[in-house]
Amino acid sequence: MKAIFFSNGCTAFFKNNKQVPELQEPWVSLYFEFLVSKGIDPEKCEFELPNGKKVKAFKTDDNTFNCDFE
């Protein structure tokens, strides 16, 4: 098994050399969930990815968070 974390916040996961879509939750989304669990609103935070791009969190219709690149 292998996980790859990309500088755009995405994750790829492989098992037996095949991608496993249900295990490919973007790492940036998981961090947003972590912040919420600590009482912090991701929409009020500044984020910068390893590649230097800025990210802005926003709440979706299903009450989860996603992000836009600035």
PDB file of N, CA and C in Angstrom:
ATOM      1  N   MET A   1       0.849  -1.177   0.000  1.00  0.00           N
ATOM      2  CA  MET A   1       0.000   0.000   0.000  1.00  0.00           C
ATOM      3  C   MET A   1       0.887   1.229   0.000  1.00  0.00           C
ATOM      4  N   LYS A   2       0.362   2.299  -0.606  1.00  0.00           N
ATOM      5  CA  LYS A   2       1.158   3.517  -0.742  1.00  0.00           C
ATOM      6  C   LYS A   2       0.228   4.726  -0.797  1.00  0.00           C
ATOM      7  N   ALA A   3       0.598   5.781  -0.067  1.00  0.00           N
ATOM      8  CA  ALA A   3      -0.120   7.054  -0.116  1.00  0.00           C
ATOM      9  C   ALA A   3       0.817   8.118  -0.665  1.00  0.00           C
ATOM     10  N   ILE A   4       0.271   8.972  -1.521  1.00  0.00           N
ATOM     11  CA  ILE A   4       1.029  10.094  -2.068  1.00  0.00           C
ATOM     12  C   ILE A   4       0.272  11.377  -1.737  1.00  0.00           C
ATOM     13  N   PHE A   5       0.952  12.332  -1.115  1.00  0.00           N
ATOM     14  CA  PHE A   5       0.366  13.626  -0.792  1.00  0.00           C
ATOM     15  C   PHE A   5       0.893  14.642  -1.802  1.00  0.00           C
ATOM     16  N   PHE A   6      -0.009  15.323  -2.484  1.00  0.00           N
ATOM     17  CA  PHE A   6       0.370  16.292  -3.502  1.00  0.00           C
ATOM     18  C   PHE A   6       0.342  17.710  -2.955  1.00  0.00           C
ATOM     19  N   SER A   7       1.119  18.587  -3.568  1.00  0.00           N
ATOM     20  CA  SER A   7       1.220  19.971  -3.099  1.00  0.00           C
ATOM     21  C   SER A   7      -0.053  20.770  -3.334  1.00  0.00           C
ATOM     22  N   ASN A   8      -1.028  20.225  -4.065  1.00  0.00           N
ATOM     23  CA  ASN A   8      -2.304  20.928  -4.262  1.00  0.00           C
ATOM     24  C   ASN A   8      -3.347  20.507  -3.230  1.00  0.00           C
ATOM     25  N   GLY A   9      -2.951  19.690  -2.233  1.00  0.00           N
ATOM     26  CA  GLY A   9      -3.857  19.282  -1.170  1.00  0.00           C
ATOM     27  C   GLY A   9      -4.512  17.936  -1.399  1.00  0.00           C
ATOM     28  N   CYS A  10      -4.291  17.328  -2.548  1.00  0.00           N
ATOM     29  CA  CYS A  10      -4.909  16.041  -2.868  1.00  0.00           C
ATOM     30  C   CYS A  10      -4.069  14.881  -2.344  1.00  0.00           C
ATOM     31  N   THR A  11      -4.704  13.712  -2.301  1.00  0.00           N
ATOM     32  CA  THR A  11      -4.060  12.488  -1.870  1.00  0.00           C
ATOM     33  C   THR A  11      -4.379  11.385  -2.874  1.00  0.00           C
ATOM     34  N   ALA A  12      -3.406  10.552  -3.181  1.00  0.00           N
ATOM     35  CA  ALA A  12      -3.636   9.344  -3.975  1.00  0.00           C
ATOM     36  C   ALA A  12      -3.265   8.153  -3.094  1.00  0.00           C
ATOM     37  N   PHE A  13      -4.062   7.103  -3.160  1.00  0.00           N
ATOM     38  CA  PHE A  13      -3.784   5.907  -2.371  1.00  0.00           C
ATOM     39  C   PHE A  13      -3.843   4.694  -3.279  1.00  0.00           C
ATOM     40  N   PHE A  14      -2.845   3.821  -3.142  1.00  0.00           N
ATOM     41  CA  PHE A  14      -2.739   2.630  -3.985  1.00  0.00           C
ATOM     42  C   PHE A  14      -2.644   1.374  -3.125  1.00  0.00           C
ATOM     43  N   LYS A  15      -3.306   0.325  -3.579  1.00  0.00           N
ATOM     44  CA  LYS A  15      -3.201  -0.995  -2.973  1.00  0.00           C
ATOM     45  C   LYS A  15      -3.053  -1.986  -4.121  1.00  0.00           C
ATOM     46  N   ASN A  16      -2.028  -2.804  -4.066  1.00  0.00           N
ATOM     47  CA  ASN A  16      -1.741  -3.746  -5.154  1.00  0.00           C
ATOM     48  C   ASN A  16      -1.608  -3.011  -6.489  1.00  0.00           C
ATOM     49  N   ASN A  17      -0.955  -1.847  -6.448  1.00  0.00           N
ATOM     50  CA  ASN A  17      -0.708  -1.017  -7.632  1.00  0.00           C
ATOM     51  C   ASN A  17      -1.970  -0.487  -8.299  1.00  0.00           C
ATOM     52  N   LYS A  18      -3.089  -0.454  -7.582  1.00  0.00           N
ATOM     53  CA  LYS A  18      -4.341   0.111  -8.114  1.00  0.00           C
ATOM     54  C   LYS A  18      -4.826   1.185  -7.150  1.00  0.00           C
ATOM     55  N   GLN A  19      -5.353   2.274  -7.722  1.00  0.00           N
ATOM     56  CA  GLN A  19      -5.876   3.340  -6.878  1.00  0.00           C
ATOM     57  C   GLN A  19      -7.109   2.875  -6.127  1.00  0.00           C
ATOM     58  N   VAL A  20      -7.257   3.388  -4.902  1.00  0.00           N
ATOM     59  CA  VAL A  20      -8.399   3.075  -4.047  1.00  0.00           C
ATOM     60  C   VAL A  20      -9.126   4.394  -3.779  1.00  0.00           C
ATOM     61  N   PRO A  21     -10.124   4.729  -4.621  1.00  0.00           N
ATOM     62  CA  PRO A  21     -10.777   6.035  -4.525  1.00  0.00           C
ATOM     63  C   PRO A  21     -11.341   6.374  -3.143  1.00  0.00           C
ATOM     64  N   GLU A  22     -11.895   5.391  -2.435  1.00  0.00           N
ATOM     65  CA  GLU A  22     -12.501   5.701  -1.133  1.00  0.00           C
ATOM     66  C   GLU A  22     -11.460   6.043  -0.066  1.00  0.00           C
ATOM     67  N   LEU A  23     -10.181   5.863  -0.362  1.00  0.00           N
ATOM     68  CA  LEU A  23      -9.112   6.226   0.576  1.00  0.00           C
ATOM     69  C   LEU A  23      -8.318   7.439   0.100  1.00  0.00           C
ATOM     70  N   GLN A  24      -8.881   8.202  -0.825  1.00  0.00           N
ATOM     71  CA  GLN A  24      -8.169   9.340  -1.402  1.00  0.00           C
ATOM     72  C   GLN A  24      -8.771  10.674  -0.984  1.00  0.00           C
ATOM     73  N   GLU A  25      -9.071  10.796   0.289  1.00  0.00           N
ATOM     74  CA  GLU A  25      -9.573  12.054   0.843  1.00  0.00           C
ATOM     75  C   GLU A  25      -8.459  13.099   0.781  1.00  0.00           C
ATOM     76  N   PRO A  26      -8.729  14.287   0.231  1.00  0.00           N
ATOM     77  CA  PRO A  26      -7.685  15.315   0.192  1.00  0.00           C
ATOM     78  C   PRO A  26      -7.177  15.639   1.608  1.00  0.00           C
ATOM     79  N   TRP A  27      -5.873  15.684   1.781  1.00  0.00           N
ATOM     80  CA  TRP A  27      -5.328  15.946   3.104  1.00  0.00           C
ATOM     81  C   TRP A  27      -5.706  17.324   3.612  1.00  0.00           C
ATOM     82  N   VAL A  28      -5.885  18.270   2.708  1.00  0.00           N
ATOM     83  CA  VAL A  28      -6.265  19.615   3.132  1.00  0.00           C
ATOM     84  C   VAL A  28      -7.678  19.598   3.735  1.00  0.00           C
ATOM     85  N   SER A  29      -8.584  18.787   3.194  1.00  0.00           N
ATOM     86  CA  SER A  29      -9.941  18.664   3.750  1.00  0.00           C
ATOM     87  C   SER A  29      -9.906  18.040   5.142  1.00  0.00           C
ATOM     88  N   LEU A  30      -9.060  17.056   5.328  1.00  0.00           N
ATOM     89  CA  LEU A  30      -8.929  16.434   6.650  1.00  0.00           C
ATOM     90  C   LEU A  30      -8.433  17.443   7.680  1.00  0.00           C
ATOM     91  N   TYR A  31      -7.542  18.333   7.258  1.00  0.00           N
ATOM     92  CA  TYR A  31      -7.057  19.353   8.187  1.00  0.00           C
ATOM     93  C   TYR A  31      -8.174  20.342   8.532  1.00  0.00           C
ATOM     94  N   PHE A  32      -9.001  20.684   7.548  1.00  0.00           N
ATOM     95  CA  PHE A  32     -10.154  21.553   7.838  1.00  0.00           C
ATOM     96  C   PHE A  32     -11.037  20.908   8.905  1.00  0.00           C
ATOM     97  N   GLU A  33     -11.316  19.611   8.751  1.00  0.00           N
ATOM     98  CA  GLU A  33     -12.134  18.889   9.735  1.00  0.00           C
ATOM     99  C   GLU A  33     -11.475  18.907  11.109  1.00  0.00           C
ATOM    100  N   PHE A  34     -10.162  18.748  11.146  1.00  0.00           N
ATOM    101  CA  PHE A  34      -9.431  18.790  12.406  1.00  0.00           C
ATOM    102  C   PHE A  34      -9.600  20.151  13.078  1.00  0.00           C
ATOM    103  N   LEU A  35      -9.457  21.232  12.301  1.00  0.00           N
ATOM    104  CA  LEU A  35      -9.627  22.572  12.865  1.00  0.00           C
ATOM    105  C   LEU A  35     -11.017  22.747  13.452  1.00  0.00           C
ATOM    106  N   VAL A  36     -12.036  22.300  12.730  1.00  0.00           N
ATOM    107  CA  VAL A  36     -13.418  22.401  13.218  1.00  0.00           C
ATOM    108  C   VAL A  36     -13.559  21.647  14.545  1.00  0.00           C
ATOM    109  N   SER A  37     -12.935  20.473  14.642  1.00  0.00           N
ATOM    110  CA  SER A  37     -13.026  19.683  15.883  1.00  0.00           C
ATOM    111  C   SER A  37     -12.394  20.415  17.066  1.00  0.00           C
ATOM    112  N   LYS A  38     -11.518  21.375  16.788  1.00  0.00           N
ATOM    113  CA  LYS A  38     -10.863  22.167  17.833  1.00  0.00           C
ATOM    114  C   LYS A  38     -11.532  23.527  18.026  1.00  0.00           C
ATOM    115  N   GLY A  39     -12.694  23.719  17.353  1.00  0.00           N
ATOM    116  CA  GLY A  39     -13.436  24.967  17.517  1.00  0.00           C
ATOM    117  C   GLY A  39     -12.936  26.111  16.658  1.00  0.00           C
ATOM    118  N   ILE A  40     -12.173  25.832  15.625  1.00  0.00           N
ATOM    119  CA  ILE A  40     -11.630  26.872  14.749  1.00  0.00           C
ATOM    120  C   ILE A  40     -12.347  26.822  13.407  1.00  0.00           C
ATOM    121  N   ASP A  41     -12.792  27.974  12.926  1.00  0.00           N
ATOM    122  CA  ASP A  41     -13.475  28.084  11.642  1.00  0.00           C
ATOM    123  C   ASP A  41     -12.432  28.222  10.527  1.00  0.00           C
ATOM    124  N   PRO A  42     -12.309  27.215   9.649  1.00  0.00           N
ATOM    125  CA  PRO A  42     -11.314  27.295   8.576  1.00  0.00           C
ATOM    126  C   PRO A  42     -11.502  28.491   7.643  1.00  0.00           C
ATOM    127  N   GLU A  43     -12.725  29.011   7.544  1.00  0.00           N
ATOM    128  CA  GLU A  43     -12.965  30.166   6.676  1.00  0.00           C
ATOM    129  C   GLU A  43     -12.281  31.424   7.204  1.00  0.00           C
ATOM    130  N   LYS A  44     -11.879  31.410   8.468  1.00  0.00           N
ATOM    131  CA  LYS A  44     -11.230  32.572   9.071  1.00  0.00           C
ATOM    132  C   LYS A  44      -9.714  32.419   9.148  1.00  0.00           C
ATOM    133  N   CYS A  45      -9.186  31.397   8.492  1.00  0.00           N
ATOM    134  CA  CYS A  45      -7.747  31.120   8.522  1.00  0.00           C
ATOM    135  C   CYS A  45      -7.113  31.377   7.158  1.00  0.00           C
ATOM    136  N   GLU A  46      -5.831  31.635   7.171  1.00  0.00           N
ATOM    137  CA  GLU A  46      -5.043  31.727   5.944  1.00  0.00           C
ATOM    138  C   GLU A  46      -4.284  30.417   5.782  1.00  0.00           C
ATOM    139  N   PHE A  47      -4.233  29.902   4.549  1.00  0.00           N
ATOM    140  CA  PHE A  47      -3.534  28.654   4.274  1.00  0.00           C
ATOM    141  C   PHE A  47      -2.599  28.843   3.090  1.00  0.00           C
ATOM    142  N   GLU A  48      -1.439  28.226   3.190  1.00  0.00           N
ATOM    143  CA  GLU A  48      -0.483  28.231   2.087  1.00  0.00           C
ATOM    144  C   GLU A  48       0.004  26.805   1.875  1.00  0.00           C
ATOM    145  N   LEU A  49      -0.104  26.318   0.642  1.00  0.00           N
ATOM    146  CA  LEU A  49       0.319  24.969   0.303  1.00  0.00           C
ATOM    147  C   LEU A  49       1.838  24.909   0.140  1.00  0.00           C
ATOM    148  N   PRO A  50       2.418  23.706   0.161  1.00  0.00           N
ATOM    149  CA  PRO A  50       3.873  23.583   0.006  1.00  0.00           C
ATOM    150  C   PRO A  50       4.414  24.207  -1.282  1.00  0.00           C
ATOM    151  N   ASN A  51       3.564  24.290  -2.311  1.00  0.00           N
ATOM    152  CA  ASN A  51       4.029  24.888  -3.577  1.00  0.00           C
ATOM    153  C   ASN A  51       3.885  26.416  -3.579  1.00  0.00           C
ATOM    154  N   GLY A  52       3.478  26.999  -2.440  1.00  0.00           N
ATOM    155  CA  GLY A  52       3.370  28.443  -2.313  1.00  0.00           C
ATOM    156  C   GLY A  52       2.012  29.016  -2.656  1.00  0.00           C
ATOM    157  N   LYS A  53       1.101  28.197  -3.208  1.00  0.00           N
ATOM    158  CA  LYS A  53      -0.233  28.697  -3.553  1.00  0.00           C
ATOM    159  C   LYS A  53      -1.051  28.942  -2.296  1.00  0.00           C
ATOM    160  N   LYS A  54      -1.838  29.996  -2.327  1.00  0.00           N
ATOM    161  CA  LYS A  54      -2.745  30.319  -1.233  1.00  0.00           C
ATOM    162  C   LYS A  54      -4.049  29.563  -1.431  1.00  0.00           C
ATOM    163  N   VAL A  55      -4.668  29.181  -0.325  1.00  0.00           N
ATOM    164  CA  VAL A  55      -5.921  28.429  -0.349  1.00  0.00           C
ATOM    165  C   VAL A  55      -6.922  29.143   0.545  1.00  0.00           C
ATOM    166  N   LYS A  56      -8.166  29.183   0.100  1.00  0.00           N
ATOM    167  CA  LYS A  56      -9.242  29.752   0.908  1.00  0.00           C
ATOM    168  C   LYS A  56     -10.285  28.669   1.131  1.00  0.00           C
ATOM    169  N   ALA A  57     -10.593  28.381   2.394  1.00  0.00           N
ATOM    170  CA  ALA A  57     -11.603  27.381   2.746  1.00  0.00           C
ATOM    171  C   ALA A  57     -12.993  27.992   2.609  1.00  0.00           C
ATOM    172  N   PHE A  58     -13.942  27.168   2.180  1.00  0.00           N
ATOM    173  CA  PHE A  58     -15.347  27.591   2.152  1.00  0.00           C
ATOM    174  C   PHE A  58     -16.237  26.414   2.508  1.00  0.00           C
ATOM    175  N   LYS A  59     -17.396  26.730   3.109  1.00  0.00           N
ATOM    176  CA  LYS A  59     -18.343  25.699   3.512  1.00  0.00           C
ATOM    177  C   LYS A  59     -19.231  25.339   2.320  1.00  0.00           C
ATOM    178  N   THR A  60     -19.447  24.042   2.119  1.00  0.00           N
ATOM    179  CA  THR A  60     -20.265  23.553   1.016  1.00  0.00           C
ATOM    180  C   THR A  60     -21.714  23.379   1.468  1.00  0.00           C
ATOM    181  N   ASP A  61     -22.586  23.055   0.521  1.00  0.00           N
ATOM    182  CA  ASP A  61     -24.009  22.859   0.837  1.00  0.00           C
ATOM    183  C   ASP A  61     -24.246  21.711   1.811  1.00  0.00           C
ATOM    184  N   ASP A  62     -23.351  20.732   1.831  1.00  0.00           N
ATOM    185  CA  ASP A  62     -23.519  19.601   2.758  1.00  0.00           C
ATOM    186  C   ASP A  62     -22.794  19.828   4.090  1.00  0.00           C
ATOM    187  N   ASN A  63     -22.454  21.090   4.373  1.00  0.00           N
ATOM    188  CA  ASN A  63     -21.874  21.514   5.647  1.00  0.00           C
ATOM    189  C   ASN A  63     -20.468  20.961   5.900  1.00  0.00           C
ATOM    190  N   THR A  64     -19.745  20.661   4.826  1.00  0.00           N
ATOM    191  CA  THR A  64     -18.338  20.288   4.938  1.00  0.00           C
ATOM    192  C   THR A  64     -17.531  21.433   4.322  1.00  0.00           C
ATOM    193  N   PHE A  65     -16.214  21.300   4.312  1.00  0.00           N
ATOM    194  CA  PHE A  65     -15.368  22.352   3.757  1.00  0.00           C
ATOM    195  C   PHE A  65     -14.654  21.876   2.505  1.00  0.00           C
ATOM    196  N   ASN A  66     -14.464  22.803   1.602  1.00  0.00           N
ATOM    197  CA  ASN A  66     -13.673  22.590   0.394  1.00  0.00           C
ATOM    198  C   ASN A  66     -12.781  23.819   0.271  1.00  0.00           C
ATOM    199  N   CYS A  67     -11.994  23.910  -0.796  1.00  0.00           N
ATOM    200  CA  CYS A  67     -11.112  25.059  -0.905  1.00  0.00           C
ATOM    201  C   CYS A  67     -11.014  25.564  -2.345  1.00  0.00           C
ATOM    202  N   ASP A  68     -10.704  26.841  -2.435  1.00  0.00           N
ATOM    203  CA  ASP A  68     -10.400  27.514  -3.690  1.00  0.00           C
ATOM    204  C   ASP A  68      -8.942  27.928  -3.633  1.00  0.00           C
ATOM    205  N   PHE A  69      -8.290  27.901  -4.787  1.00  0.00           N
ATOM    206  CA  PHE A  69      -6.923  28.381  -4.877  1.00  0.00           C
ATOM    207  C   PHE A  69      -6.962  29.844  -5.308  1.00  0.00           C
ATOM    208  N   GLU A  70      -6.163  30.664  -4.650  1.00  0.00           N
ATOM    209  CA  GLU A  70      -6.110  32.092  -4.996  1.00  0.00           C
ATOM    210  C   GLU A  70      -5.005  32.363  -5.976  1.00  0.00           C
TER     211      GLU A  70
END
